[in-house]
Amino acid sequence: GQVTAEQLDWLDTVAAEADRPVVVMGHHHVWDPSSAERPERYFGVRPEDSEALVAVVARRPRIVACLAGHTHRNRVRRFAATGSVPWVEVASVKDYPGAWAEYRVHEGGILQVFHRISTPEALTWTERTRHMFEGLYAEYAFGGVDDRNLVIPVRR
């Protein structure tokens, strides 16, 4: 749940010098900078590191998306500072709905395509995890269609 100053400097330099779109991939999701709460122990990237990462993305138009998987759910957020840049969380193959995302890169943008696992044994396991958190996990993890399949346009 941390992004170091060195990592931020590196990303800032890479994005400033890039001649093509940049996709940031990390494990933890960022904290929402517009949130009224600022927890000391956040489940994702620490609030102060999240703010610094959002600031880099906001000033570097070559960064077109930020992807993470820590939460094991499908969710897309957008922040005022970064406009149309999607901050994506992708489901896990080990928990309901038992899924992964494929990214197809095209000249005009990047397509995120949602895939469910298909072996009977794996599906049986993920169906067992559907009922975690007092039956609320399926709603939490699955997300909406726009959270599972999306187009990431290339910012110019």
Protein backbone atom coordinates (compact mmCIF):
# COMPACT_ATOMS: atom_id res chain seq x y z
CA GLY A 1 0.00 0.00 0.00
CA GLN A 2 2.86 2.41 -0.59
CA VAL A 3 4.30 4.31 -3.55
CA THR A 4 7.76 5.70 -2.84
CA ALA A 5 9.11 9.08 -3.92
CA GLU A 6 11.59 7.25 -6.16
CA GLN A 7 8.78 5.32 -7.87
CA LEU A 8 6.80 8.53 -8.41
CA ASP A 9 9.85 10.31 -9.84
CA TRP A 10 10.50 7.37 -12.15
CA LEU A 11 6.89 7.30 -13.37
CA ASP A 12 6.86 11.07 -13.84
CA THR A 13 10.00 10.86 -16.00
CA VAL A 14 8.76 7.89 -18.04
CA ALA A 15 5.41 9.57 -18.70
CA ALA A 16 7.04 12.92 -19.54
CA GLU A 17 9.35 11.29 -22.11
CA ALA A 18 6.84 8.79 -23.53
CA ASP A 19 5.93 9.01 -27.20
CA ARG A 20 2.95 6.67 -26.77
CA PRO A 21 0.26 5.89 -24.19
CA VAL A 22 1.36 4.71 -20.73
CA VAL A 23 -0.65 2.29 -18.60
CA VAL A 24 0.25 2.16 -14.90
CA MET A 25 -0.11 -1.27 -13.30
CA GLY A 26 0.18 -1.90 -9.59
CA HIS A 27 -1.18 -4.26 -7.02
CA HIS A 28 -2.97 -1.87 -4.67
CA HIS A 29 -5.78 0.51 -5.61
CA VAL A 30 -5.52 4.19 -4.73
CA TRP A 31 -7.45 6.03 -2.07
CA ASP A 32 -10.05 8.47 -3.43
CA PRO A 33 -8.62 11.98 -3.00
CA SER A 34 -12.12 13.45 -2.72
CA SER A 35 -12.99 11.24 0.25
CA ALA A 36 -13.94 12.97 3.49
CA GLU A 37 -12.31 10.13 5.44
CA ARG A 38 -8.55 9.76 5.66
CA PRO A 39 -7.92 6.47 7.45
CA GLU A 40 -4.52 5.80 9.01
CA ARG A 41 -4.65 2.20 7.84
CA TYR A 42 -6.16 2.15 4.34
CA PHE A 43 -6.76 -1.14 2.51
CA GLY A 44 -4.97 0.18 -0.60
CA VAL A 45 -2.33 2.81 -1.37
CA ARG A 46 -1.88 5.16 1.60
CA PRO A 47 -3.78 8.46 1.20
CA GLU A 48 -0.65 10.64 0.97
CA ASP A 49 0.90 8.31 -1.64
CA SER A 50 -2.41 8.13 -3.51
CA GLU A 51 -2.55 11.93 -3.73
CA ALA A 52 1.00 12.05 -5.06
CA LEU A 53 0.25 9.37 -7.67
CA VAL A 54 -2.95 11.13 -8.75
CA ALA A 55 -0.93 14.35 -9.13
CA VAL A 56 1.56 12.62 -11.47
CA VAL A 57 -1.26 11.16 -13.57
CA ALA A 58 -3.01 14.54 -13.69
CA ARG A 59 0.04 16.31 -15.14
CA ARG A 60 1.08 13.57 -17.58
CA PRO A 61 -1.45 13.18 -20.42
CA ARG A 62 0.37 10.13 -21.78
CA ILE A 63 -0.89 8.13 -18.78
CA VAL A 64 -4.21 6.72 -19.97
CA ALA A 65 -5.12 4.22 -17.21
CA CYS A 66 -4.15 2.91 -13.77
CA LEU A 67 -4.85 -0.78 -13.10
CA ALA A 68 -4.86 -2.75 -9.83
CA GLY A 69 -6.16 -6.03 -8.48
CA HIS A 70 -5.79 -6.00 -4.68
CA THR A 71 -9.51 -5.81 -3.91
CA HIS A 72 -10.45 -8.82 -6.12
CA ARG A 73 -13.41 -6.85 -7.47
CA ASN A 74 -14.40 -5.16 -10.71
CA ARG A 75 -14.58 -1.41 -10.23
CA VAL A 76 -13.72 1.65 -12.28
CA ARG A 77 -13.36 5.07 -10.70
CA ARG A 78 -12.47 8.45 -12.14
CA PHE A 79 -11.15 11.42 -10.18
CA ALA A 80 -11.67 15.11 -10.87
CA ALA A 81 -7.93 15.77 -11.07
CA THR A 82 -7.35 13.08 -13.73
CA GLY A 83 -10.51 13.53 -15.81
CA SER A 84 -11.33 10.56 -18.03
CA VAL A 85 -8.43 8.38 -16.83
CA PRO A 86 -9.93 5.17 -15.42
CA TRP A 87 -8.62 3.83 -12.11
CA VAL A 88 -9.47 0.16 -12.59
CA GLU A 89 -9.70 -2.70 -10.11
CA VAL A 90 -9.89 -6.19 -11.61
CA ALA A 91 -11.42 -9.35 -10.14
CA SER A 92 -9.44 -12.39 -9.09
CA VAL A 93 -9.56 -15.87 -10.57
CA LYS A 94 -9.66 -17.39 -7.06
CA ASP A 95 -12.75 -15.57 -5.75
CA TYR A 96 -16.21 -14.96 -7.13
CA PRO A 97 -16.80 -14.26 -9.99
CA GLY A 98 -13.56 -16.07 -10.89
CA ALA A 99 -12.39 -13.72 -13.57
CA TRP A 100 -9.53 -11.89 -15.22
CA ALA A 101 -9.17 -9.02 -17.66
CA GLU A 102 -7.58 -9.03 -21.08
CA TYR A 103 -6.29 -5.80 -22.59
CA ARG A 104 -6.40 -5.38 -26.36
CA VAL A 105 -4.30 -2.48 -27.58
CA HIS A 106 -5.46 -0.63 -30.70
CA GLU A 107 -4.38 2.64 -32.32
CA GLY A 108 -7.35 4.54 -30.91
CA GLY A 109 -7.41 3.05 -27.46
CA ILE A 110 -7.25 0.01 -25.22
CA LEU A 111 -10.12 -2.40 -24.70
CA GLN A 112 -10.56 -4.19 -21.37
CA VAL A 113 -12.37 -7.49 -21.87
CA PHE A 114 -13.72 -9.42 -18.88
CA HIS A 115 -13.29 -13.22 -18.86
CA ARG A 116 -14.64 -15.77 -16.43
CA ILE A 117 -12.74 -18.92 -15.67
CA SER A 118 -14.36 -22.00 -17.18
CA THR A 119 -13.19 -25.24 -15.62
CA PRO A 120 -15.88 -26.93 -13.53
CA GLU A 121 -13.60 -27.28 -10.48
CA ALA A 122 -12.68 -23.60 -10.50
CA LEU A 123 -16.29 -22.50 -11.00
CA THR A 124 -17.37 -24.68 -8.08
CA TRP A 125 -14.78 -23.01 -5.85
CA THR A 126 -15.70 -19.46 -6.88
CA GLU A 127 -19.38 -20.18 -6.31
CA ARG A 128 -18.46 -21.08 -2.71
CA THR A 129 -16.75 -17.71 -2.28
CA ARG A 130 -19.81 -15.86 -3.62
CA HIS A 131 -21.34 -16.00 -0.15
CA MET A 132 -18.44 -14.46 1.79
CA PHE A 133 -19.03 -11.40 3.96
CA GLU A 134 -22.54 -12.47 4.97
CA GLY A 135 -23.66 -12.88 1.38
CA LEU A 136 -22.54 -9.43 0.21
CA TYR A 137 -19.38 -10.48 -1.63
CA ALA A 138 -21.02 -11.23 -4.99
CA GLU A 139 -22.42 -7.70 -5.24
CA TYR A 140 -19.11 -6.20 -4.08
CA ALA A 141 -16.91 -8.21 -6.45
CA PHE A 142 -18.89 -8.51 -9.68
CA GLY A 143 -19.40 -4.81 -10.43
CA GLY A 144 -21.42 -3.44 -13.31
CA VAL A 145 -20.91 -4.06 -17.01
CA ASP A 146 -18.97 -0.77 -17.26
CA ASP A 147 -16.66 -2.01 -14.51
CA ARG A 148 -15.89 -5.22 -16.40
CA ASN A 149 -15.67 -4.14 -20.02
CA LEU A 150 -14.48 -0.70 -21.04
CA VAL A 151 -12.68 1.31 -23.66
CA ILE A 152 -9.68 3.31 -22.52
CA PRO A 153 -9.27 6.12 -25.04
CA VAL A 154 -5.84 7.46 -25.88
CA ARG A 155 -5.44 11.01 -24.58
CA ARG A 156 -3.64 13.29 -27.03
